[in-house]
């Protein structure tokens, strides 16, 4: 008889982040050599493990203090790694939170796909639902998000069947898997991109002019211009690689995940590959007191790396 406890972590890895398609996960064999430029990680620094024992970590987000919140989706919890280096549980029953991001008022936004909803969670832990249905039909499952400087929210909605859904026979939306935008007034949200296969990671530039969206299903990442009304224009291929989560630094370099962390400059040229000692790297964000620590959620652990550069678009007090 099989000891299922030994197999649960691997099972969760494939349930919550299926094996990559196309070029979604970079390796040393399918990427060009990095450009001869200064790297982004700090000299002589290595990735270090901060915490472990989770089922599958995801969605790191930083608050104004520099604390990093992240999720353990299979166990339905949101955790905090404080700037003092202490781990604590922020909330249980998080709606199976995946991607996280703080809004401009300091509330935590969560892609909570237990019921395919976008949540806003107050510091007290109380939550409200910002988005749940589009044109009368359930969303596929909000996955990752980014907050524009204006307060508008962009989020991706791919379909990944979840074992915890009450309706385990749920099918993807007939109209596909898309990117949505909730304006600052948060009254109604709209679909702003419908041409992607399976949008997943998403991040924008701190000035609010550009949006990057990873199509993990097609193994590509695209860049869009953001218009004044929140709509997107001028879709351009950024790199021939997809990603799970994403972040950006103050120099405009874009960080993709999958097999470790892969960093591209604003021109889409590879500048650094950061290995992570875990089967799958899900997501990244900058945090810490000076914004120069890269926090990495990967499989059953939380990792960190000191950087030469500071994160882009970090929240301010």
Protein backbone atom coordinates (compact mmCIF):
# COMPACT_ATOMS: atom_id res chain seq x y z
CA UNK A 1 0.00 0.00 0.00
CA UNK A 2 1.34 3.41 -0.95
CA UNK A 3 2.11 5.93 1.78
CA UNK A 4 0.16 8.86 0.31
CA UNK A 5 1.76 11.33 2.72
CA UNK A 6 5.00 10.93 0.78
CA UNK A 7 3.25 11.71 -2.50
CA UNK A 8 1.06 14.64 -1.45
CA UNK A 9 3.66 17.41 -2.01
CA UNK A 10 4.36 16.20 -5.55
CA UNK A 11 0.64 15.79 -6.24
CA UNK A 12 -0.04 19.35 -5.10
CA UNK A 13 2.78 20.63 -7.30
CA UNK A 14 1.03 19.32 -10.41
CA UNK A 15 -2.50 20.20 -9.25
CA UNK A 16 -1.74 23.81 -8.46
CA UNK A 17 0.83 24.54 -11.12
CA UNK A 18 0.67 22.05 -13.99
CA UNK A 19 3.84 21.24 -15.95
CA UNK A 20 4.77 24.14 -18.22
CA UNK A 21 3.80 24.25 -21.87
CA UNK A 22 6.07 25.33 -24.69
CA UNK A 23 8.92 27.49 -23.37
CA UNK A 24 7.19 28.36 -20.12
CA UNK A 25 10.04 27.00 -17.98
CA UNK A 26 13.48 28.20 -19.06
CA UNK A 27 16.53 25.99 -18.89
CA UNK A 28 20.16 26.57 -19.70
CA UNK A 29 19.61 24.74 -22.98
CA UNK A 30 16.81 26.83 -24.47
CA UNK A 31 17.85 30.37 -23.53
CA UNK A 32 20.56 32.52 -25.10
CA UNK A 33 23.57 33.51 -23.05
CA UNK A 34 22.93 36.57 -20.85
CA UNK A 35 24.02 39.93 -22.21
CA UNK A 36 27.35 41.17 -20.91
CA UNK A 37 25.82 43.67 -18.50
CA UNK A 38 25.79 44.15 -14.78
CA UNK A 39 23.59 41.53 -13.12
CA UNK A 40 20.69 42.24 -10.78
CA UNK A 41 21.63 40.08 -7.80
CA UNK A 42 24.07 41.46 -5.27
CA UNK A 43 27.70 40.28 -5.59
CA UNK A 44 28.50 37.01 -3.82
CA UNK A 45 24.90 36.52 -2.66
CA UNK A 46 23.09 33.19 -2.96
CA UNK A 47 19.44 32.18 -2.72
CA UNK A 48 18.66 31.12 0.85
CA UNK A 49 15.66 29.28 2.27
CA UNK A 50 13.66 31.24 4.85
CA UNK A 51 10.85 28.82 5.64
CA UNK A 52 9.60 25.41 4.53
CA UNK A 53 6.99 22.76 5.31
CA UNK A 54 4.22 24.22 3.18
CA UNK A 55 2.30 22.32 0.50
CA UNK A 56 2.69 24.86 -2.31
CA UNK A 57 3.68 28.50 -1.87
CA UNK A 58 2.42 31.30 -4.11
CA UNK A 59 1.58 34.97 -4.52
CA UNK A 60 4.12 37.01 -2.51
CA UNK A 61 3.20 40.67 -1.94
CA UNK A 62 4.90 43.41 0.06
CA UNK A 63 3.29 45.99 2.35
CA UNK A 64 4.54 49.49 3.16
CA UNK A 65 6.71 48.19 6.02
CA UNK A 66 8.50 45.69 3.82
CA UNK A 67 6.81 42.59 5.26
CA UNK A 68 6.00 39.94 2.68
CA UNK A 69 2.67 38.12 2.59
CA UNK A 70 2.42 34.83 0.71
CA UNK A 71 -0.01 31.95 0.31
CA UNK A 72 -0.05 28.22 0.90
CA UNK A 73 -2.98 27.54 -1.40
CA UNK A 74 -3.55 23.81 -0.73
CA UNK A 75 -3.75 24.56 3.01
CA UNK A 76 -5.92 27.69 2.48
CA UNK A 77 -3.67 30.08 4.43
CA UNK A 78 -1.97 33.45 3.99
CA UNK A 79 1.36 33.82 5.81
CA UNK A 80 3.56 36.80 6.73
CA UNK A 81 7.35 36.93 6.71
CA UNK A 82 8.14 40.07 8.70
CA UNK A 83 11.12 42.38 8.30
CA UNK A 84 12.27 40.99 11.68
CA UNK A 85 12.48 37.54 10.09
CA UNK A 86 9.47 36.06 11.86
CA UNK A 87 6.81 33.84 10.29
CA UNK A 88 3.16 34.19 11.30
CA UNK A 89 -0.24 33.26 9.89
CA UNK A 90 -2.28 36.25 8.72
CA UNK A 91 -5.46 34.41 7.81
CA UNK A 92 -6.88 30.92 7.56
CA UNK A 93 -9.80 30.23 5.20
CA UNK A 94 -8.44 32.65 2.62
CA UNK A 95 -10.73 31.50 -0.18
CA UNK A 96 -7.79 29.40 -1.43
CA UNK A 97 -5.78 32.55 -2.08
CA UNK A 98 -3.28 32.46 -4.92
CA UNK A 99 -1.84 35.75 -6.21
CA UNK A 100 -1.72 38.69 -3.77
CA UNK A 101 -1.12 42.43 -4.09
CA UNK A 102 -1.62 45.42 -1.78
CA UNK A 103 -3.89 48.22 -2.98
CA UNK A 104 -3.13 51.92 -2.58
CA UNK A 105 -5.03 52.03 0.73
CA UNK A 106 -2.99 49.24 2.30
CA UNK A 107 -5.60 46.49 2.01
CA UNK A 108 -4.54 43.09 0.71
CA UNK A 109 -6.06 41.97 -2.59
CA UNK A 110 -6.34 38.25 -3.19
CA UNK A 111 -7.10 36.02 -6.17
CA UNK A 112 -9.23 33.60 -4.15
CA UNK A 113 -10.34 30.87 -6.47
CA UNK A 114 -12.30 28.62 -4.11
CA UNK A 115 -15.36 30.37 -5.51
CA UNK A 116 -13.49 32.11 -8.36
CA UNK A 117 -13.44 35.54 -6.74
CA UNK A 118 -11.23 38.59 -6.33
CA UNK A 119 -11.10 39.60 -2.64
CA UNK A 120 -10.13 42.71 -0.69
CA UNK A 121 -8.91 41.84 2.82
CA UNK A 122 -8.66 44.49 5.54
CA UNK A 123 -5.86 44.52 8.09
CA UNK A 124 -8.32 42.96 10.53
CA UNK A 125 -8.72 39.97 8.21
CA UNK A 126 -12.28 40.82 7.19
CA UNK A 127 -12.87 40.50 3.47
CA UNK A 128 -15.19 41.73 0.73
CA UNK A 129 -15.65 40.41 -2.81
CA UNK A 130 -14.62 42.79 -5.61
CA UNK A 131 -15.28 40.53 -8.61
CA UNK A 132 -16.93 37.14 -9.04
CA UNK A 133 -18.99 36.91 -12.23
CA UNK A 134 -18.59 38.36 -15.71
CA UNK A 135 -21.74 38.75 -17.80
CA UNK A 136 -23.59 36.50 -15.38
CA UNK A 137 -21.12 33.60 -15.55
CA UNK A 138 -18.53 32.53 -12.99
CA UNK A 139 -14.92 33.46 -13.67
CA UNK A 140 -12.49 30.63 -14.38
CA UNK A 141 -10.40 31.41 -11.31
CA UNK A 142 -8.53 34.70 -10.74
CA UNK A 143 -4.85 33.81 -10.57
CA UNK A 144 -2.55 36.84 -10.44
CA UNK A 145 -3.01 40.62 -10.27
CA UNK A 146 -1.36 44.02 -10.36
CA UNK A 147 -2.56 47.41 -9.08
CA UNK A 148 -2.12 50.44 -11.35
CA UNK A 149 -0.92 53.68 -9.69
CA UNK A 150 -4.45 55.05 -10.25
CA UNK A 151 -5.90 52.24 -8.12
CA UNK A 152 -7.30 50.18 -10.97
CA UNK A 153 -6.75 46.42 -10.76
CA UNK A 154 -5.65 44.12 -13.59
CA UNK A 155 -6.06 40.38 -13.05
CA UNK A 156 -5.65 37.18 -15.05
CA UNK A 157 -8.30 34.47 -15.17
CA UNK A 158 -6.92 31.14 -16.43
CA UNK A 159 -8.69 27.83 -15.85
CA UNK A 160 -7.01 25.29 -13.57
CA UNK A 161 -9.41 22.62 -12.23
CA UNK A 162 -9.12 22.50 -8.42
CA UNK A 163 -9.76 19.42 -6.28
CA UNK A 164 -11.38 21.57 -3.55
CA UNK A 165 -14.13 23.01 -5.77
CA UNK A 166 -17.61 22.06 -4.62
CA UNK A 167 -18.49 21.55 -8.28
CA UNK A 168 -15.55 19.39 -9.37
CA UNK A 169 -17.07 19.01 -12.82
CA UNK A 170 -16.86 22.74 -13.53
CA UNK A 171 -15.81 23.59 -17.05
CA UNK A 172 -13.82 26.60 -18.31
CA UNK A 173 -15.75 29.58 -19.58
CA UNK A 174 -16.90 29.05 -23.15
CA UNK A 175 -15.50 32.45 -24.10
CA UNK A 176 -11.98 31.58 -22.97
CA UNK A 177 -9.31 32.63 -20.45
CA UNK A 178 -8.66 36.35 -20.36
CA UNK A 179 -7.36 39.48 -18.60
CA UNK A 180 -9.75 41.80 -16.77
CA UNK A 181 -9.64 45.33 -15.38
CA UNK A 182 -11.46 46.71 -12.35
CA UNK A 183 -11.36 50.54 -12.35
CA UNK A 184 -10.56 52.65 -9.27
CA UNK A 185 -14.27 53.14 -8.47
CA UNK A 186 -14.58 49.33 -8.35
CA UNK A 187 -18.15 49.37 -9.61
CA UNK A 188 -17.86 47.09 -12.65
CA UNK A 189 -14.99 45.31 -14.35
CA UNK A 190 -14.28 44.74 -18.01
CA UNK A 191 -12.35 42.35 -20.20
CA UNK A 192 -9.27 44.08 -21.63
CA UNK A 193 -7.43 41.23 -23.37
CA UNK A 194 -8.99 38.19 -25.01
CA UNK A 195 -6.36 36.88 -27.45
CA UNK A 196 -4.22 34.83 -25.06
CA UNK A 197 -4.23 31.09 -24.52
CA UNK A 198 -3.76 30.93 -20.75
CA UNK A 199 -2.76 34.26 -19.14
CA UNK A 200 -1.09 33.80 -15.78
CA UNK A 201 1.63 36.13 -14.44
CA UNK A 202 1.05 39.89 -14.70
CA UNK A 203 2.99 43.04 -13.73
CA UNK A 204 3.02 46.68 -14.78
CA UNK A 205 5.62 49.42 -14.83
CA UNK A 206 5.66 51.82 -11.85
CA UNK A 207 4.68 54.76 -14.07
CA UNK A 208 1.51 52.90 -15.10
CA UNK A 209 2.25 53.06 -18.82
CA UNK A 210 3.03 49.43 -19.66
CA UNK A 211 1.56 46.06 -18.69
CA UNK A 212 3.32 42.70 -19.05
CA UNK A 213 1.21 39.53 -19.24
CA UNK A 214 2.61 36.01 -19.41
CA UNK A 215 0.72 33.52 -21.57
CA UNK A 216 1.94 30.34 -19.89
CA UNK A 217 -0.17 28.22 -22.25
CA UNK A 218 1.60 29.58 -25.33
CA UNK A 219 5.04 29.95 -23.73
CA UNK A 220 5.18 33.71 -24.43
CA UNK A 221 5.09 37.00 -22.54
CA UNK A 222 3.53 40.13 -24.06
CA UNK A 223 3.75 43.86 -23.40
CA UNK A 224 0.82 46.26 -23.76
CA UNK A 225 0.37 50.01 -23.64
CA UNK A 226 -2.08 51.10 -20.94
CA UNK A 227 -4.54 53.74 -22.10
CA UNK A 228 -6.06 56.47 -19.93
CA UNK A 229 -9.34 54.55 -19.55
CA UNK A 230 -7.55 51.38 -18.42
CA UNK A 231 -7.89 49.55 -21.71
CA UNK A 232 -4.88 47.97 -23.42
CA UNK A 233 -3.36 48.68 -26.84
CA UNK A 234 -0.34 47.86 -29.01
CA UNK A 235 0.18 44.22 -28.03
CA UNK A 236 3.84 43.28 -28.60
CA UNK A 237 5.76 40.07 -28.00
CA UNK A 238 8.23 40.72 -25.19
CA UNK A 239 9.95 37.33 -24.90
CA UNK A 240 9.42 33.81 -26.19
CA UNK A 241 8.82 32.43 -22.72
CA UNK A 242 5.83 32.14 -20.44
CA UNK A 243 5.78 32.55 -16.68
CA UNK A 244 3.84 31.72 -13.56
CA UNK A 245 4.40 34.86 -11.47
CA UNK A 246 6.24 38.08 -12.34
CA UNK A 247 7.76 41.20 -10.87
CA UNK A 248 9.75 44.23 -12.01
CA UNK A 249 12.63 46.24 -10.57
CA UNK A 250 13.42 49.96 -10.47
CA UNK A 251 15.51 49.66 -13.65
CA UNK A 252 12.61 48.18 -15.59
CA UNK A 253 13.96 44.63 -15.66
CA UNK A 254 11.24 41.97 -15.74
CA UNK A 255 11.44 38.76 -13.67
CA UNK A 256 9.78 35.57 -14.93
CA UNK A 257 9.40 32.32 -13.01
CA UNK A 258 9.18 28.59 -13.62
CA UNK A 259 12.58 26.94 -13.58
CA UNK A 260 14.15 29.38 -11.15
CA UNK A 261 13.91 33.12 -11.87
CA UNK A 262 14.80 34.50 -15.30
CA UNK A 263 15.48 38.23 -15.66
CA UNK A 264 15.10 40.24 -18.87
CA UNK A 265 15.94 43.89 -19.45
CA UNK A 266 13.27 46.24 -20.89
CA UNK A 267 14.39 45.30 -24.43
CA UNK A 268 13.61 41.65 -23.75
CA UNK A 269 17.25 40.56 -23.53
CA UNK A 270 18.22 37.94 -20.95
CA UNK A 271 20.50 39.43 -18.30
CA UNK A 272 20.47 36.87 -15.47
CA UNK A 273 19.25 33.37 -14.59
CA UNK A 274 18.74 32.79 -10.86
CA UNK A 275 18.63 29.10 -9.88
CA UNK A 276 16.26 28.14 -7.07
CA UNK A 277 16.63 24.75 -5.29
CA UNK A 278 13.01 23.68 -5.78
CA UNK A 279 11.08 21.81 -8.50
CA UNK A 280 8.96 24.83 -9.46
CA UNK A 281 9.35 28.55 -8.85
CA UNK A 282 5.86 30.04 -8.68
CA UNK A 283 6.20 33.75 -7.96
CA UNK A 284 8.43 36.61 -6.81
CA UNK A 285 8.32 40.08 -5.28
CA UNK A 286 10.71 42.62 -3.78
CA UNK A 287 10.50 43.42 -0.08
CA UNK A 288 12.45 44.08 3.10
CA UNK A 289 13.27 47.39 4.73
CA UNK A 290 15.16 48.75 1.72
CA UNK A 291 13.24 46.95 -1.03
CA UNK A 292 16.39 45.15 -2.17
CA UNK A 293 15.49 41.59 -1.20
CA UNK A 294 13.86 39.34 -3.77
CA UNK A 295 11.38 36.97 -2.11
CA UNK A 296 10.66 33.77 -3.99
CA UNK A 297 7.81 31.31 -3.47
CA UNK A 298 8.87 27.91 -4.81
CA UNK A 299 7.18 24.54 -4.24
CA UNK A 300 7.13 23.91 -0.46
CA UNK A 301 9.34 26.84 0.58
CA UNK A 302 9.92 30.57 0.84
CA UNK A 303 13.31 31.79 -0.38
CA UNK A 304 15.16 35.12 -0.56
CA UNK A 305 18.06 36.71 -2.41
CA UNK A 306 19.76 40.04 -1.75
CA UNK A 307 19.79 42.20 -4.86
CA UNK A 308 21.84 45.02 -6.34
CA UNK A 309 18.63 46.72 -7.51
CA UNK A 310 15.51 47.86 -5.70
CA UNK A 311 12.03 46.69 -6.55
CA UNK A 312 9.91 48.79 -8.86
CA UNK A 313 6.60 50.25 -7.75
CA UNK A 314 6.97 49.34 -4.08
CA UNK A 315 4.15 50.61 -1.83
CA UNK A 316 4.74 53.86 0.03
CA UNK A 317 3.50 54.89 3.44
